[in-house]
Amino acid sequence: MKTHFYTQDIINICDNKHLTVDEIFLYISEKYPSAWKSSIYRNVEELASEWMLKKVVGASKKTYFEKSKAPHIHLVDEITGDIIDMDITSIPDFQLPKWFTANNYDIKIFWQFTK
């Protein structure tokens, strides 16, 4: 990867958050005013291709990024676009067949949250 001095900042910003490239750019540009959005976009896409960030397509096909972490499910509010993580182990008896090895997965449940 062509490393930029703010790559680690991007990873840190995305820790436990679901952020768009625009949102990541706002965080980065506060610290590095000379950063370009196109450079941030390329970095984020490359980090996702190297599994350092996870790409999540949410409501209305909007793309979010998060720091890769333990396997989890995304609950996506169809109205607000909010994304909530849910531990996959909270689903009783969730098991893949013994003959199946998952390298990666992306489970999303689209719903309307009630508060």
N, C-alpha and C. Protein backbone atom coordinates (compact mmCIF):
# COMPACT_ATOMS: atom_id res chain seq x y z
N MET A 1 0.84 -1.18 0.00
CA MET A 1 0.00 0.00 0.00
C MET A 1 0.88 1.23 0.00
N LYS A 2 0.52 2.21 -0.77
CA LYS A 2 1.20 3.49 -0.77
C LYS A 2 0.79 4.21 0.52
N THR A 3 1.68 4.24 1.48
CA THR A 3 1.33 4.74 2.80
C THR A 3 1.39 6.26 2.86
N HIS A 4 0.37 6.81 3.45
CA HIS A 4 0.33 8.24 3.73
C HIS A 4 0.43 8.42 5.23
N PHE A 5 0.89 9.56 5.64
CA PHE A 5 1.13 9.75 7.07
C PHE A 5 -0.15 9.78 7.88
N TYR A 6 -1.32 9.82 7.27
CA TYR A 6 -2.57 9.81 8.04
C TYR A 6 -3.33 8.49 7.95
N THR A 7 -2.72 7.46 7.41
CA THR A 7 -3.39 6.16 7.30
C THR A 7 -3.78 5.62 8.67
N GLN A 8 -2.86 5.67 9.63
CA GLN A 8 -3.17 5.17 10.98
C GLN A 8 -4.28 6.01 11.61
N ASP A 9 -4.31 7.30 11.32
CA ASP A 9 -5.40 8.15 11.82
C ASP A 9 -6.75 7.69 11.29
N ILE A 10 -6.80 7.31 10.02
CA ILE A 10 -8.05 6.83 9.42
C ILE A 10 -8.51 5.57 10.16
N ILE A 11 -7.60 4.66 10.40
CA ILE A 11 -7.96 3.42 11.11
C ILE A 11 -8.47 3.75 12.51
N ASN A 12 -7.80 4.63 13.20
CA ASN A 12 -8.21 5.02 14.55
C ASN A 12 -9.59 5.70 14.55
N ILE A 13 -9.83 6.55 13.59
CA ILE A 13 -11.10 7.26 13.49
C ILE A 13 -12.27 6.28 13.30
N CYS A 14 -12.02 5.22 12.55
CA CYS A 14 -13.09 4.27 12.21
C CYS A 14 -13.31 3.20 13.29
N ASP A 15 -12.56 3.27 14.38
CA ASP A 15 -12.69 2.27 15.44
C ASP A 15 -14.05 2.40 16.13
N ASN A 16 -14.83 1.34 16.06
CA ASN A 16 -16.17 1.28 16.68
C ASN A 16 -17.13 2.33 16.13
N LYS A 17 -16.96 2.73 14.88
CA LYS A 17 -17.85 3.69 14.23
C LYS A 17 -18.14 3.23 12.81
N HIS A 18 -19.26 3.67 12.29
CA HIS A 18 -19.61 3.45 10.89
C HIS A 18 -19.60 4.84 10.25
N LEU A 19 -18.57 5.12 9.45
CA LEU A 19 -18.40 6.46 8.89
C LEU A 19 -18.31 6.43 7.38
N THR A 20 -18.84 7.47 6.74
CA THR A 20 -18.69 7.64 5.29
C THR A 20 -17.33 8.27 5.02
N VAL A 21 -16.89 8.25 3.77
CA VAL A 21 -15.63 8.90 3.41
C VAL A 21 -15.71 10.38 3.73
N ASP A 22 -16.86 11.01 3.51
CA ASP A 22 -17.00 12.43 3.83
C ASP A 22 -16.79 12.69 5.32
N GLU A 23 -17.33 11.82 6.16
CA GLU A 23 -17.17 11.98 7.61
C GLU A 23 -15.71 11.75 8.02
N ILE A 24 -15.08 10.75 7.43
CA ILE A 24 -13.66 10.50 7.71
C ILE A 24 -12.83 11.70 7.29
N PHE A 25 -13.14 12.24 6.11
CA PHE A 25 -12.43 13.42 5.61
C PHE A 25 -12.54 14.60 6.58
N LEU A 26 -13.73 14.80 7.16
CA LEU A 26 -13.89 15.91 8.11
C LEU A 26 -12.96 15.74 9.32
N TYR A 27 -12.88 14.54 9.85
CA TYR A 27 -11.98 14.28 10.98
C TYR A 27 -10.52 14.52 10.58
N ILE A 28 -10.13 13.97 9.43
CA ILE A 28 -8.74 14.09 8.98
C ILE A 28 -8.38 15.53 8.68
N SER A 29 -9.27 16.26 8.02
CA SER A 29 -8.96 17.64 7.63
C SER A 29 -8.83 18.58 8.83
N GLU A 30 -9.42 18.20 9.97
CA GLU A 30 -9.21 19.01 11.18
C GLU A 30 -7.75 18.93 11.63
N LYS A 31 -7.19 17.73 11.53
CA LYS A 31 -5.81 17.52 11.96
C LYS A 31 -4.81 17.85 10.85
N TYR A 32 -5.20 17.55 9.61
CA TYR A 32 -4.34 17.77 8.45
C TYR A 32 -5.08 18.60 7.41
N PRO A 33 -5.09 19.91 7.54
CA PRO A 33 -5.87 20.77 6.63
C PRO A 33 -5.50 20.62 5.15
N SER A 34 -4.30 20.14 4.86
CA SER A 34 -3.89 20.01 3.46
C SER A 34 -4.32 18.68 2.83
N ALA A 35 -5.00 17.83 3.59
CA ALA A 35 -5.45 16.54 3.06
C ALA A 35 -6.51 16.75 1.98
N TRP A 36 -6.47 15.92 0.95
CA TRP A 36 -7.45 15.98 -0.13
C TRP A 36 -8.44 14.84 0.03
N LYS A 37 -9.70 15.12 -0.28
CA LYS A 37 -10.73 14.09 -0.15
C LYS A 37 -10.43 12.90 -1.06
N SER A 38 -9.93 13.14 -2.25
CA SER A 38 -9.62 12.04 -3.16
C SER A 38 -8.54 11.13 -2.58
N SER A 39 -7.59 11.70 -1.88
CA SER A 39 -6.54 10.90 -1.25
C SER A 39 -7.11 10.09 -0.09
N ILE A 40 -8.00 10.68 0.68
CA ILE A 40 -8.65 9.96 1.77
C ILE A 40 -9.47 8.82 1.19
N TYR A 41 -10.20 9.07 0.12
CA TYR A 41 -11.02 8.04 -0.52
C TYR A 41 -10.14 6.87 -0.97
N ARG A 42 -9.03 7.17 -1.63
CA ARG A 42 -8.14 6.09 -2.09
C ARG A 42 -7.59 5.29 -0.91
N ASN A 43 -7.19 5.99 0.16
CA ASN A 43 -6.67 5.31 1.34
C ASN A 43 -7.71 4.41 1.97
N VAL A 44 -8.93 4.92 2.11
CA VAL A 44 -10.01 4.15 2.73
C VAL A 44 -10.32 2.91 1.89
N GLU A 45 -10.41 3.06 0.59
CA GLU A 45 -10.68 1.92 -0.29
C GLU A 45 -9.55 0.89 -0.22
N GLU A 46 -8.32 1.36 -0.18
CA GLU A 46 -7.20 0.43 -0.10
C GLU A 46 -7.17 -0.27 1.26
N LEU A 47 -7.45 0.44 2.34
CA LEU A 47 -7.51 -0.18 3.66
C LEU A 47 -8.61 -1.23 3.70
N ALA A 48 -9.72 -0.97 3.04
CA ALA A 48 -10.81 -1.95 2.97
C ALA A 48 -10.39 -3.17 2.15
N SER A 49 -9.66 -2.96 1.07
CA SER A 49 -9.23 -4.09 0.24
C SER A 49 -8.21 -4.96 0.98
N GLU A 50 -7.52 -4.39 1.95
CA GLU A 50 -6.54 -5.14 2.75
C GLU A 50 -7.14 -5.63 4.07
N TRP A 51 -8.45 -5.50 4.22
CA TRP A 51 -9.19 -5.96 5.41
C TRP A 51 -8.81 -5.22 6.68
N MET A 52 -8.22 -4.03 6.56
CA MET A 52 -7.91 -3.23 7.75
C MET A 52 -9.13 -2.40 8.14
N LEU A 53 -10.01 -2.15 7.17
CA LEU A 53 -11.31 -1.54 7.40
C LEU A 53 -12.34 -2.44 6.74
N LYS A 54 -13.55 -2.41 7.28
CA LYS A 54 -14.65 -3.17 6.68
C LYS A 54 -15.58 -2.18 5.99
N LYS A 55 -15.95 -2.52 4.77
CA LYS A 55 -16.88 -1.70 4.00
C LYS A 55 -18.29 -2.23 4.25
N VAL A 56 -19.19 -1.34 4.63
CA VAL A 56 -20.56 -1.71 4.95
C VAL A 56 -21.50 -0.87 4.08
N VAL A 57 -22.31 -1.52 3.26
CA VAL A 57 -23.30 -0.80 2.46
C VAL A 57 -24.59 -0.80 3.27
N GLY A 58 -25.03 0.40 3.63
CA GLY A 58 -26.21 0.54 4.48
C GLY A 58 -27.45 0.90 3.70
N ALA A 59 -28.36 1.59 4.37
CA ALA A 59 -29.62 2.02 3.76
C ALA A 59 -29.32 2.96 2.59
N SER A 60 -30.14 2.92 1.59
CA SER A 60 -30.01 3.76 0.39
C SER A 60 -28.67 3.56 -0.30
N LYS A 61 -28.06 2.38 -0.12
CA LYS A 61 -26.78 2.03 -0.76
C LYS A 61 -25.64 2.95 -0.34
N LYS A 62 -25.78 3.65 0.77
CA LYS A 62 -24.72 4.51 1.28
C LYS A 62 -23.63 3.63 1.87
N THR A 63 -22.36 3.96 1.58
CA THR A 63 -21.24 3.14 2.02
C THR A 63 -20.59 3.72 3.26
N TYR A 64 -20.37 2.84 4.23
CA TYR A 64 -19.73 3.20 5.49
C TYR A 64 -18.50 2.33 5.67
N PHE A 65 -17.59 2.79 6.52
CA PHE A 65 -16.39 2.03 6.83
C PHE A 65 -16.25 1.95 8.34
N GLU A 66 -15.73 0.80 8.79
CA GLU A 66 -15.48 0.61 10.21
C GLU A 66 -14.18 -0.17 10.35
N LYS A 67 -13.56 -0.04 11.52
CA LYS A 67 -12.36 -0.82 11.76
C LYS A 67 -12.75 -2.28 11.88
N SER A 68 -12.02 -3.14 11.18
CA SER A 68 -12.31 -4.57 11.24
C SER A 68 -12.17 -5.05 12.67
N LYS A 69 -13.14 -5.84 13.09
CA LYS A 69 -13.14 -6.37 14.45
C LYS A 69 -13.85 -7.70 14.47
N ALA A 70 -14.21 -8.16 15.64
CA ALA A 70 -14.86 -9.46 15.78
C ALA A 70 -16.10 -9.55 14.89
N PRO A 71 -16.41 -10.75 14.42
CA PRO A 71 -17.60 -10.94 13.58
C PRO A 71 -18.87 -10.42 14.27
N HIS A 72 -19.67 -9.71 13.52
CA HIS A 72 -20.91 -9.17 14.06
C HIS A 72 -21.91 -8.95 12.94
N ILE A 73 -23.14 -8.71 13.34
CA ILE A 73 -24.23 -8.44 12.40
C ILE A 73 -24.54 -6.95 12.46
N HIS A 74 -24.94 -6.37 11.34
CA HIS A 74 -25.35 -4.97 11.31
C HIS A 74 -26.88 -4.88 11.27
N LEU A 75 -27.43 -4.16 12.21
CA LEU A 75 -28.85 -3.82 12.20
C LEU A 75 -28.95 -2.42 11.61
N VAL A 76 -29.65 -2.30 10.48
CA VAL A 76 -29.70 -1.04 9.75
C VAL A 76 -31.11 -0.48 9.79
N ASP A 77 -31.25 0.73 10.32
CA ASP A 77 -32.54 1.42 10.35
C ASP A 77 -32.81 1.98 8.96
N GLU A 78 -33.88 1.52 8.33
CA GLU A 78 -34.21 1.96 6.97
C GLU A 78 -34.62 3.43 6.90
N ILE A 79 -35.10 3.98 8.00
CA ILE A 79 -35.54 5.38 8.01
C ILE A 79 -34.36 6.33 8.22
N THR A 80 -33.59 6.11 9.28
CA THR A 80 -32.51 7.04 9.64
C THR A 80 -31.17 6.66 9.04
N GLY A 81 -31.00 5.39 8.66
CA GLY A 81 -29.72 4.92 8.16
C GLY A 81 -28.76 4.52 9.27
N ASP A 82 -29.18 4.68 10.54
CA ASP A 82 -28.33 4.29 11.67
C ASP A 82 -27.97 2.82 11.58
N ILE A 83 -26.74 2.51 11.98
CA ILE A 83 -26.27 1.13 11.99
C ILE A 83 -25.86 0.77 13.41
N ILE A 84 -26.36 -0.34 13.88
CA ILE A 84 -26.01 -0.83 15.21
C ILE A 84 -25.38 -2.20 15.05
N ASP A 85 -24.28 -2.43 15.77
CA ASP A 85 -23.64 -3.74 15.73
C ASP A 85 -24.29 -4.68 16.73
N MET A 86 -24.43 -5.95 16.32
CA MET A 86 -24.96 -6.97 17.21
C MET A 86 -24.01 -8.17 17.15
N ASP A 87 -23.60 -8.64 18.30
CA ASP A 87 -22.70 -9.78 18.38
C ASP A 87 -23.39 -11.00 17.78
N ILE A 88 -22.69 -11.67 16.90
CA ILE A 88 -23.28 -12.83 16.22
C ILE A 88 -23.57 -13.96 17.19
N THR A 89 -22.86 -14.01 18.30
CA THR A 89 -23.09 -15.08 19.27
C THR A 89 -24.39 -14.87 20.04
N SER A 90 -25.02 -13.70 19.88
CA SER A 90 -26.30 -13.47 20.55
C SER A 90 -27.47 -14.15 19.83
N ILE A 91 -27.19 -14.74 18.66
CA ILE A 91 -28.20 -15.51 17.95
C ILE A 91 -28.07 -16.96 18.42
N PRO A 92 -29.08 -17.49 19.07
CA PRO A 92 -28.98 -18.86 19.59
C PRO A 92 -28.73 -19.88 18.47
N ASP A 93 -27.84 -20.77 18.73
CA ASP A 93 -27.54 -21.89 17.83
C ASP A 93 -27.08 -21.47 16.44
N PHE A 94 -26.45 -20.27 16.33
CA PHE A 94 -25.93 -19.86 15.02
C PHE A 94 -24.65 -20.63 14.76
N GLN A 95 -24.70 -21.54 13.81
CA GLN A 95 -23.53 -22.32 13.45
C GLN A 95 -23.54 -22.55 11.95
N LEU A 96 -22.37 -22.43 11.38
CA LEU A 96 -22.23 -22.77 9.96
C LEU A 96 -22.04 -24.28 9.86
N PRO A 97 -22.40 -24.86 8.74
CA PRO A 97 -22.15 -26.30 8.57
C PRO A 97 -20.66 -26.62 8.75
N LYS A 98 -20.35 -27.77 9.29
CA LYS A 98 -18.96 -28.15 9.58
C LYS A 98 -18.10 -28.17 8.32
N TRP A 99 -18.69 -28.45 7.17
CA TRP A 99 -17.94 -28.52 5.92
C TRP A 99 -17.71 -27.15 5.29
N PHE A 100 -18.26 -26.08 5.89
CA PHE A 100 -18.19 -24.74 5.32
C PHE A 100 -17.24 -23.87 6.13
N THR A 101 -16.29 -23.24 5.45
CA THR A 101 -15.37 -22.32 6.11
C THR A 101 -15.63 -20.92 5.56
N ALA A 102 -15.99 -20.01 6.44
CA ALA A 102 -16.27 -18.64 6.02
C ALA A 102 -14.99 -17.81 6.13
N ASN A 103 -14.57 -17.23 5.01
CA ASN A 103 -13.42 -16.32 5.02
C ASN A 103 -13.86 -14.93 5.43
N ASN A 104 -15.09 -14.61 5.07
CA ASN A 104 -15.63 -13.29 5.38
C ASN A 104 -17.14 -13.37 5.19
N TYR A 105 -17.86 -12.53 5.86
CA TYR A 105 -19.30 -12.45 5.64
C TYR A 105 -19.78 -11.07 6.03
N ASP A 106 -20.95 -10.74 5.53
CA ASP A 106 -21.56 -9.45 5.81
C ASP A 106 -23.05 -9.69 5.98
N ILE A 107 -23.49 -9.74 7.22
CA ILE A 107 -24.90 -9.97 7.51
C ILE A 107 -25.50 -8.65 7.95
N LYS A 108 -26.57 -8.24 7.23
CA LYS A 108 -27.27 -7.01 7.57
C LYS A 108 -28.75 -7.33 7.70
N ILE A 109 -29.36 -6.75 8.69
CA ILE A 109 -30.80 -6.87 8.86
C ILE A 109 -31.35 -5.46 8.75
N PHE A 110 -32.20 -5.24 7.76
CA PHE A 110 -32.81 -3.92 7.56
C PHE A 110 -34.15 -3.90 8.27
N TRP A 111 -34.36 -2.88 9.06
CA TRP A 111 -35.57 -2.78 9.86
C TRP A 111 -35.83 -1.32 10.16
N GLN A 112 -36.91 -1.07 10.82
CA GLN A 112 -37.19 0.27 11.33
C GLN A 112 -37.15 0.18 12.86
N PHE A 113 -36.18 0.87 13.43
CA PHE A 113 -36.02 0.83 14.88
C PHE A 113 -37.15 1.60 15.55
N THR A 114 -37.61 1.10 16.65
CA THR A 114 -38.58 1.82 17.46
C THR A 114 -37.88 2.20 18.74
N LYS A 115 -38.12 3.40 19.18
CA LYS A 115 -37.43 3.89 20.39
C LYS A 115 -38.42 4.23 21.46
